[in-house]
Amino acid sequence: MNNEELFGTLNNEDRIEMFGDFDPKRYESEVRKRWGETEAYAESSTRTARYTKDDWKRMGEEAGVINQSLADLFAAGTSPEAETSMEAAEQHRLHIDRWFYPCSHEMHAGLGEMYVADPRFTKFWDEIRPGLAAFVRDAFLANGLRAAG
């Protein structure tokens, strides 16, 4: 996935405005190696190639609201198995599903595991609130178990 595939119609200036110093080229070979042959990768590439700057803004704002909701629940001491935590997890899953690729509950639980297993993802979540990555993982798992019945 190159910058054009990942950031669609954004030019380099817009990309910097929207994402700061995040440079997907740094991760391109790893991403292709891990997920390049998957349907999710292909779908995400197709969708994001069409996104305008306004689309990216809406997606980022939506993600920010969801992430803050998860952080607020964690800060309040809410259990990851609580209905409110699982609903916030579901909103996150639907966000991925809406903006990037079909995201099953099983796939979402796998993302949660990655958020804890990969220090880069853990850092992202834990910069929002220390310990948040583990809470998010647990809420994703609880939500998946709830959906499975």
N, C-alpha and C. Protein backbone atom coordinates (compact mmCIF):
# COMPACT_ATOMS: atom_id res chain seq x y z
N MET A 1 0.86 -1.17 0.00
CA MET A 1 0.00 0.00 0.00
C MET A 1 0.90 1.22 0.00
N ASN A 2 0.76 2.07 -0.98
CA ASN A 2 1.56 3.28 -1.01
C ASN A 2 0.77 4.44 -0.41
N ASN A 3 1.41 5.61 -0.32
CA ASN A 3 0.73 6.77 0.28
C ASN A 3 -0.57 7.09 -0.43
N GLU A 4 -0.57 6.97 -1.76
CA GLU A 4 -1.79 7.28 -2.51
C GLU A 4 -2.90 6.31 -2.16
N GLU A 5 -2.57 5.01 -2.05
CA GLU A 5 -3.58 4.03 -1.67
C GLU A 5 -4.07 4.28 -0.25
N LEU A 6 -3.18 4.63 0.65
CA LEU A 6 -3.56 4.80 2.05
C LEU A 6 -4.30 6.10 2.28
N PHE A 7 -3.85 7.18 1.67
CA PHE A 7 -4.42 8.48 1.97
C PHE A 7 -5.28 9.05 0.85
N GLY A 8 -5.59 8.25 -0.16
CA GLY A 8 -6.53 8.67 -1.20
C GLY A 8 -6.15 9.97 -1.85
N THR A 9 -7.07 10.93 -1.81
CA THR A 9 -6.90 12.18 -2.53
C THR A 9 -6.07 13.22 -1.78
N LEU A 10 -5.57 12.87 -0.59
CA LEU A 10 -4.77 13.84 0.16
C LEU A 10 -3.42 14.07 -0.51
N ASN A 11 -3.04 15.34 -0.62
CA ASN A 11 -1.68 15.61 -1.05
C ASN A 11 -0.78 15.56 0.19
N ASN A 12 0.51 15.68 0.01
CA ASN A 12 1.43 15.54 1.13
C ASN A 12 1.17 16.59 2.22
N GLU A 13 0.85 17.81 1.82
CA GLU A 13 0.55 18.87 2.78
C GLU A 13 -0.67 18.52 3.63
N ASP A 14 -1.72 18.05 2.97
CA ASP A 14 -2.93 17.64 3.68
C ASP A 14 -2.64 16.47 4.62
N ARG A 15 -1.86 15.53 4.15
CA ARG A 15 -1.52 14.36 4.97
C ARG A 15 -0.82 14.80 6.24
N ILE A 16 0.12 15.71 6.12
CA ILE A 16 0.85 16.21 7.29
C ILE A 16 -0.10 16.95 8.23
N GLU A 17 -1.00 17.76 7.65
CA GLU A 17 -1.98 18.48 8.47
C GLU A 17 -2.87 17.49 9.24
N MET A 18 -3.28 16.43 8.57
CA MET A 18 -4.21 15.47 9.18
C MET A 18 -3.53 14.50 10.14
N PHE A 19 -2.33 14.06 9.81
CA PHE A 19 -1.71 12.95 10.53
C PHE A 19 -0.36 13.27 11.16
N GLY A 20 0.08 14.50 11.02
CA GLY A 20 1.35 14.87 11.63
C GLY A 20 2.52 14.14 11.00
N ASP A 21 3.41 13.66 11.84
CA ASP A 21 4.61 13.03 11.31
C ASP A 21 4.44 11.54 11.03
N PHE A 22 3.21 11.02 11.10
CA PHE A 22 2.98 9.63 10.74
C PHE A 22 3.29 9.43 9.27
N ASP A 23 4.19 8.51 8.99
CA ASP A 23 4.57 8.23 7.62
C ASP A 23 4.40 6.73 7.35
N PRO A 24 3.37 6.37 6.60
CA PRO A 24 3.10 4.95 6.37
C PRO A 24 4.20 4.23 5.61
N LYS A 25 5.06 4.98 4.90
CA LYS A 25 6.16 4.33 4.18
C LYS A 25 7.06 3.55 5.13
N ARG A 26 7.15 4.04 6.37
CA ARG A 26 7.99 3.36 7.37
C ARG A 26 7.49 1.94 7.66
N TYR A 27 6.21 1.71 7.44
CA TYR A 27 5.61 0.42 7.80
C TYR A 27 5.12 -0.37 6.60
N GLU A 28 5.32 0.17 5.41
CA GLU A 28 4.75 -0.42 4.20
C GLU A 28 5.13 -1.88 4.00
N SER A 29 6.41 -2.22 4.13
CA SER A 29 6.81 -3.61 3.89
C SER A 29 6.25 -4.53 4.98
N GLU A 30 6.23 -4.07 6.21
CA GLU A 30 5.66 -4.89 7.29
C GLU A 30 4.17 -5.14 7.07
N VAL A 31 3.45 -4.09 6.69
CA VAL A 31 2.01 -4.21 6.46
C VAL A 31 1.74 -5.17 5.31
N ARG A 32 2.47 -5.03 4.23
CA ARG A 32 2.28 -5.93 3.08
C ARG A 32 2.59 -7.38 3.47
N LYS A 33 3.66 -7.57 4.24
CA LYS A 33 4.05 -8.92 4.65
C LYS A 33 2.99 -9.55 5.54
N ARG A 34 2.46 -8.77 6.48
CA ARG A 34 1.50 -9.31 7.44
C ARG A 34 0.10 -9.46 6.86
N TRP A 35 -0.36 -8.48 6.07
CA TRP A 35 -1.77 -8.46 5.68
C TRP A 35 -2.00 -8.28 4.18
N GLY A 36 -0.93 -8.16 3.42
CA GLY A 36 -1.06 -7.83 2.00
C GLY A 36 -1.92 -8.78 1.17
N GLU A 37 -2.02 -10.02 1.58
CA GLU A 37 -2.80 -11.00 0.82
C GLU A 37 -4.22 -11.16 1.34
N THR A 38 -4.62 -10.35 2.32
CA THR A 38 -5.94 -10.52 2.91
C THR A 38 -7.00 -9.69 2.19
N GLU A 39 -8.23 -10.14 2.32
CA GLU A 39 -9.35 -9.38 1.77
C GLU A 39 -9.50 -8.04 2.49
N ALA A 40 -9.23 -8.03 3.79
CA ALA A 40 -9.35 -6.79 4.56
C ALA A 40 -8.38 -5.74 4.03
N TYR A 41 -7.17 -6.13 3.73
CA TYR A 41 -6.17 -5.21 3.19
C TYR A 41 -6.64 -4.65 1.85
N ALA A 42 -7.12 -5.53 0.99
CA ALA A 42 -7.60 -5.08 -0.33
C ALA A 42 -8.78 -4.13 -0.20
N GLU A 43 -9.71 -4.46 0.69
CA GLU A 43 -10.89 -3.62 0.88
C GLU A 43 -10.50 -2.26 1.45
N SER A 44 -9.61 -2.26 2.43
CA SER A 44 -9.16 -1.01 3.02
C SER A 44 -8.46 -0.14 1.98
N SER A 45 -7.64 -0.74 1.16
CA SER A 45 -6.96 0.00 0.10
C SER A 45 -7.95 0.63 -0.86
N THR A 46 -8.97 -0.13 -1.24
CA THR A 46 -9.99 0.38 -2.17
C THR A 46 -10.76 1.54 -1.55
N ARG A 47 -11.18 1.35 -0.30
CA ARG A 47 -11.97 2.41 0.34
C ARG A 47 -11.15 3.68 0.56
N THR A 48 -9.99 3.55 1.15
CA THR A 48 -9.23 4.74 1.52
C THR A 48 -8.70 5.49 0.31
N ALA A 49 -8.55 4.81 -0.82
CA ALA A 49 -8.09 5.49 -2.04
C ALA A 49 -9.09 6.55 -2.49
N ARG A 50 -10.35 6.42 -2.08
CA ARG A 50 -11.40 7.36 -2.48
C ARG A 50 -11.60 8.50 -1.49
N TYR A 51 -11.00 8.42 -0.31
CA TYR A 51 -11.29 9.39 0.74
C TYR A 51 -10.70 10.76 0.44
N THR A 52 -11.54 11.76 0.67
CA THR A 52 -11.12 13.15 0.56
C THR A 52 -10.61 13.62 1.91
N LYS A 53 -10.09 14.82 1.93
CA LYS A 53 -9.64 15.42 3.19
C LYS A 53 -10.81 15.48 4.19
N ASP A 54 -11.99 15.84 3.72
CA ASP A 54 -13.16 15.88 4.60
C ASP A 54 -13.51 14.50 5.14
N ASP A 55 -13.39 13.49 4.30
CA ASP A 55 -13.64 12.12 4.77
C ASP A 55 -12.68 11.76 5.90
N TRP A 56 -11.38 12.05 5.69
CA TRP A 56 -10.38 11.74 6.71
C TRP A 56 -10.66 12.51 8.00
N LYS A 57 -11.10 13.75 7.86
CA LYS A 57 -11.45 14.53 9.06
C LYS A 57 -12.60 13.89 9.81
N ARG A 58 -13.65 13.52 9.09
CA ARG A 58 -14.81 12.88 9.73
C ARG A 58 -14.40 11.57 10.40
N MET A 59 -13.60 10.78 9.70
CA MET A 59 -13.15 9.51 10.26
C MET A 59 -12.34 9.76 11.54
N GLY A 60 -11.43 10.73 11.50
CA GLY A 60 -10.60 11.02 12.67
C GLY A 60 -11.40 11.55 13.85
N GLU A 61 -12.37 12.40 13.56
CA GLU A 61 -13.22 12.92 14.63
C GLU A 61 -14.03 11.81 15.27
N GLU A 62 -14.57 10.94 14.44
CA GLU A 62 -15.34 9.81 14.95
C GLU A 62 -14.46 8.91 15.81
N ALA A 63 -13.26 8.62 15.32
CA ALA A 63 -12.34 7.78 16.09
C ALA A 63 -12.00 8.44 17.42
N GLY A 64 -11.79 9.74 17.40
CA GLY A 64 -11.46 10.45 18.63
C GLY A 64 -12.56 10.35 19.67
N VAL A 65 -13.80 10.45 19.24
CA VAL A 65 -14.94 10.34 20.16
C VAL A 65 -14.99 8.93 20.76
N ILE A 66 -14.83 7.93 19.92
CA ILE A 66 -14.87 6.54 20.39
C ILE A 66 -13.72 6.26 21.35
N ASN A 67 -12.52 6.68 20.98
CA ASN A 67 -11.35 6.45 21.83
C ASN A 67 -11.50 7.15 23.18
N GLN A 68 -12.05 8.37 23.16
CA GLN A 68 -12.25 9.10 24.41
C GLN A 68 -13.30 8.41 25.27
N SER A 69 -14.31 7.88 24.64
CA SER A 69 -15.34 7.14 25.38
C SER A 69 -14.73 5.94 26.10
N LEU A 70 -13.89 5.19 25.39
CA LEU A 70 -13.20 4.06 26.01
C LEU A 70 -12.30 4.54 27.16
N ALA A 71 -11.58 5.63 26.94
CA ALA A 71 -10.69 6.17 27.98
C ALA A 71 -11.49 6.63 29.20
N ASP A 72 -12.63 7.26 28.97
CA ASP A 72 -13.45 7.74 30.08
C ASP A 72 -14.00 6.57 30.90
N LEU A 73 -14.42 5.53 30.23
CA LEU A 73 -14.91 4.34 30.93
C LEU A 73 -13.80 3.73 31.78
N PHE A 74 -12.62 3.62 31.20
CA PHE A 74 -11.48 3.07 31.93
C PHE A 74 -11.13 3.94 33.14
N ALA A 75 -11.10 5.25 32.93
CA ALA A 75 -10.76 6.18 34.01
C ALA A 75 -11.77 6.11 35.15
N ALA A 76 -13.01 5.82 34.81
CA ALA A 76 -14.07 5.73 35.83
C ALA A 76 -14.06 4.39 36.57
N GLY A 77 -13.17 3.49 36.15
CA GLY A 77 -13.09 2.19 36.80
C GLY A 77 -14.13 1.20 36.33
N THR A 78 -14.73 1.47 35.18
CA THR A 78 -15.75 0.58 34.63
C THR A 78 -15.10 -0.72 34.18
N SER A 79 -15.74 -1.81 34.45
CA SER A 79 -15.25 -3.12 34.01
C SER A 79 -15.31 -3.21 32.49
N PRO A 80 -14.35 -3.87 31.86
CA PRO A 80 -14.42 -4.07 30.41
C PRO A 80 -15.62 -4.93 30.01
N GLU A 81 -16.14 -5.71 30.96
CA GLU A 81 -17.30 -6.56 30.68
C GLU A 81 -18.63 -5.82 30.90
N ALA A 82 -18.59 -4.59 31.39
CA ALA A 82 -19.81 -3.82 31.59
C ALA A 82 -20.46 -3.52 30.25
N GLU A 83 -21.77 -3.40 30.27
CA GLU A 83 -22.52 -3.11 29.05
C GLU A 83 -21.99 -1.86 28.34
N THR A 84 -21.69 -0.81 29.11
CA THR A 84 -21.21 0.43 28.51
C THR A 84 -19.85 0.25 27.83
N SER A 85 -19.01 -0.57 28.43
CA SER A 85 -17.70 -0.83 27.83
C SER A 85 -17.84 -1.64 26.55
N MET A 86 -18.71 -2.64 26.60
CA MET A 86 -18.91 -3.45 25.40
C MET A 86 -19.56 -2.63 24.29
N GLU A 87 -20.43 -1.70 24.65
CA GLU A 87 -21.04 -0.85 23.63
C GLU A 87 -19.99 0.08 22.99
N ALA A 88 -19.10 0.62 23.81
CA ALA A 88 -18.02 1.45 23.25
C ALA A 88 -17.12 0.60 22.35
N ALA A 89 -16.85 -0.63 22.76
CA ALA A 89 -16.07 -1.54 21.92
C ALA A 89 -16.78 -1.80 20.60
N GLU A 90 -18.10 -1.98 20.68
CA GLU A 90 -18.88 -2.22 19.46
C GLU A 90 -18.83 -1.01 18.54
N GLN A 91 -18.89 0.18 19.11
CA GLN A 91 -18.77 1.39 18.29
C GLN A 91 -17.42 1.43 17.58
N HIS A 92 -16.37 1.00 18.26
CA HIS A 92 -15.04 0.94 17.64
C HIS A 92 -15.04 -0.06 16.48
N ARG A 93 -15.63 -1.23 16.73
CA ARG A 93 -15.68 -2.26 15.69
C ARG A 93 -16.45 -1.75 14.47
N LEU A 94 -17.58 -1.11 14.71
CA LEU A 94 -18.38 -0.58 13.60
C LEU A 94 -17.65 0.54 12.86
N HIS A 95 -16.84 1.30 13.58
CA HIS A 95 -16.04 2.35 12.96
C HIS A 95 -15.05 1.73 11.96
N ILE A 96 -14.36 0.69 12.37
CA ILE A 96 -13.43 -0.03 11.47
C ILE A 96 -14.21 -0.57 10.27
N ASP A 97 -15.36 -1.17 10.57
CA ASP A 97 -16.20 -1.77 9.53
C ASP A 97 -16.67 -0.72 8.53
N ARG A 98 -17.05 0.44 9.02
CA ARG A 98 -17.58 1.50 8.16
C ARG A 98 -16.48 2.15 7.32
N TRP A 99 -15.31 2.39 7.91
CA TRP A 99 -14.29 3.18 7.23
C TRP A 99 -13.22 2.38 6.51
N PHE A 100 -12.98 1.13 6.93
CA PHE A 100 -11.82 0.41 6.39
C PHE A 100 -12.14 -0.94 5.77
N TYR A 101 -12.70 -1.86 6.53
CA TYR A 101 -12.95 -3.21 6.03
C TYR A 101 -13.97 -3.90 6.93
N PRO A 102 -14.66 -4.91 6.40
CA PRO A 102 -15.58 -5.65 7.26
C PRO A 102 -14.81 -6.23 8.45
N CYS A 103 -15.28 -5.91 9.64
CA CYS A 103 -14.55 -6.28 10.85
C CYS A 103 -15.45 -7.15 11.73
N SER A 104 -15.23 -8.44 11.66
CA SER A 104 -15.99 -9.37 12.48
C SER A 104 -15.59 -9.19 13.95
N HIS A 105 -16.40 -9.74 14.83
CA HIS A 105 -16.06 -9.68 16.25
C HIS A 105 -14.74 -10.42 16.52
N GLU A 106 -14.53 -11.52 15.82
CA GLU A 106 -13.29 -12.28 15.98
C GLU A 106 -12.08 -11.45 15.53
N MET A 107 -12.23 -10.79 14.39
CA MET A 107 -11.14 -9.94 13.90
C MET A 107 -10.89 -8.78 14.88
N HIS A 108 -11.96 -8.23 15.41
CA HIS A 108 -11.84 -7.12 16.35
C HIS A 108 -11.12 -7.54 17.62
N ALA A 109 -11.43 -8.74 18.11
CA ALA A 109 -10.72 -9.25 19.28
C ALA A 109 -9.23 -9.41 18.97
N GLY A 110 -8.92 -9.82 17.74
CA GLY A 110 -7.52 -9.93 17.32
C GLY A 110 -6.83 -8.57 17.30
N LEU A 111 -7.56 -7.53 16.88
CA LEU A 111 -7.00 -6.17 16.93
C LEU A 111 -6.68 -5.80 18.37
N GLY A 112 -7.59 -6.12 19.27
CA GLY A 112 -7.36 -5.83 20.68
C GLY A 112 -6.10 -6.51 21.20
N GLU A 113 -5.90 -7.75 20.81
CA GLU A 113 -4.68 -8.48 21.20
C GLU A 113 -3.44 -7.78 20.64
N MET A 114 -3.53 -7.33 19.39
CA MET A 114 -2.40 -6.64 18.78
C MET A 114 -2.11 -5.33 19.50
N TYR A 115 -3.15 -4.65 19.98
CA TYR A 115 -2.97 -3.38 20.69
C TYR A 115 -2.14 -3.56 21.95
N VAL A 116 -2.13 -4.76 22.51
CA VAL A 116 -1.35 -5.04 23.71
C VAL A 116 -0.01 -5.68 23.35
N ALA A 117 -0.01 -6.54 22.33
CA ALA A 117 1.20 -7.29 21.97
C ALA A 117 2.24 -6.43 21.25
N ASP A 118 1.81 -5.45 20.50
CA ASP A 118 2.73 -4.61 19.72
C ASP A 118 2.94 -3.30 20.47
N PRO A 119 4.16 -3.05 20.93
CA PRO A 119 4.42 -1.84 21.73
C PRO A 119 4.04 -0.54 21.03
N ARG A 120 4.04 -0.52 19.71
CA ARG A 120 3.66 0.71 19.00
C ARG A 120 2.18 1.02 19.21
N PHE A 121 1.35 -0.01 19.16
CA PHE A 121 -0.08 0.18 19.40
C PHE A 121 -0.36 0.45 20.88
N THR A 122 0.34 -0.28 21.73
CA THR A 122 0.17 -0.05 23.17
C THR A 122 0.50 1.40 23.51
N LYS A 123 1.56 1.92 22.92
CA LYS A 123 1.96 3.31 23.17
C LYS A 123 0.85 4.27 22.75
N PHE A 124 0.25 4.04 21.59
CA PHE A 124 -0.84 4.90 21.12
C PHE A 124 -1.95 4.95 22.17
N TRP A 125 -2.43 3.79 22.57
CA TRP A 125 -3.54 3.75 23.52
C TRP A 125 -3.14 4.28 24.89
N ASP A 126 -1.97 3.88 25.34
CA ASP A 126 -1.56 4.28 26.68
C ASP A 126 -1.16 5.75 26.78
N GLU A 127 -0.91 6.40 25.65
CA GLU A 127 -0.71 7.85 25.66
C GLU A 127 -2.03 8.58 25.90
N ILE A 128 -3.12 7.96 25.51
CA ILE A 128 -4.43 8.53 25.80
C ILE A 128 -4.68 8.43 27.31
N ARG A 129 -4.41 7.25 27.86
CA ARG A 129 -4.54 7.01 29.30
C ARG A 129 -3.73 5.76 29.63
N PRO A 130 -2.77 5.86 30.54
CA PRO A 130 -1.95 4.68 30.89
C PRO A 130 -2.82 3.49 31.29
N GLY A 131 -2.53 2.35 30.66
CA GLY A 131 -3.28 1.12 30.93
C GLY A 131 -4.46 0.91 30.00
N LEU A 132 -4.74 1.89 29.15
CA LEU A 132 -5.93 1.81 28.29
C LEU A 132 -5.85 0.67 27.28
N ALA A 133 -4.68 0.34 26.78
CA ALA A 133 -4.57 -0.72 25.77
C ALA A 133 -5.14 -2.03 26.29
N ALA A 134 -4.82 -2.40 27.51
CA ALA A 134 -5.32 -3.67 28.07
C ALA A 134 -6.83 -3.61 28.28
N PHE A 135 -7.33 -2.47 28.73
CA PHE A 135 -8.77 -2.31 28.90
C PHE A 135 -9.49 -2.46 27.56
N VAL A 136 -8.96 -1.82 26.53
CA VAL A 136 -9.55 -1.89 25.19
C VAL A 136 -9.57 -3.34 24.71
N ARG A 137 -8.45 -4.03 24.86
CA ARG A 137 -8.39 -5.45 24.47
C ARG A 137 -9.48 -6.24 25.18
N ASP A 138 -9.59 -6.05 26.48
CA ASP A 138 -10.56 -6.81 27.26
C ASP A 138 -11.99 -6.46 26.89
N ALA A 139 -12.26 -5.19 26.59
CA ALA A 139 -13.61 -4.78 26.17
C ALA A 139 -13.95 -5.36 24.81
N PHE A 140 -12.97 -5.39 23.89
CA PHE A 140 -13.20 -5.98 22.56
C PHE A 140 -13.54 -7.46 22.71
N LEU A 141 -12.78 -8.16 23.55
CA LEU A 141 -13.00 -9.59 23.77
C LEU A 141 -14.39 -9.81 24.39
N ALA A 142 -14.74 -9.04 25.42
CA ALA A 142 -16.04 -9.17 26.07
C ALA A 142 -17.16 -8.91 25.07
N ASN A 143 -16.99 -7.91 24.23
CA ASN A 143 -18.00 -7.61 23.22
C ASN A 143 -18.15 -8.77 22.24
N GLY A 144 -17.05 -9.35 21.85
CA GLY A 144 -17.11 -10.50 20.93
C GLY A 144 -17.80 -11.69 21.57
N LEU A 145 -17.51 -11.93 22.83
CA LEU A 145 -18.17 -13.04 23.54
C LEU A 145 -19.66 -12.77 23.68
N ARG A 146 -20.02 -11.53 23.95
CA ARG A 146 -21.44 -11.15 24.04
C ARG A 146 -22.13 -11.42 22.69
N ALA A 147 -21.50 -11.05 21.61
CA ALA A 147 -22.10 -11.23 20.29
C ALA A 147 -22.25 -12.72 19.94
N ALA A 148 -21.32 -13.52 20.42
CA ALA A 148 -21.36 -14.96 20.14
C ALA A 148 -22.45 -15.66 20.95
N GLY A 149 -22.94 -14.97 21.99
CA GLY A 149 -24.02 -15.53 22.79
C GLY A 149 -23.47 -16.32 23.91
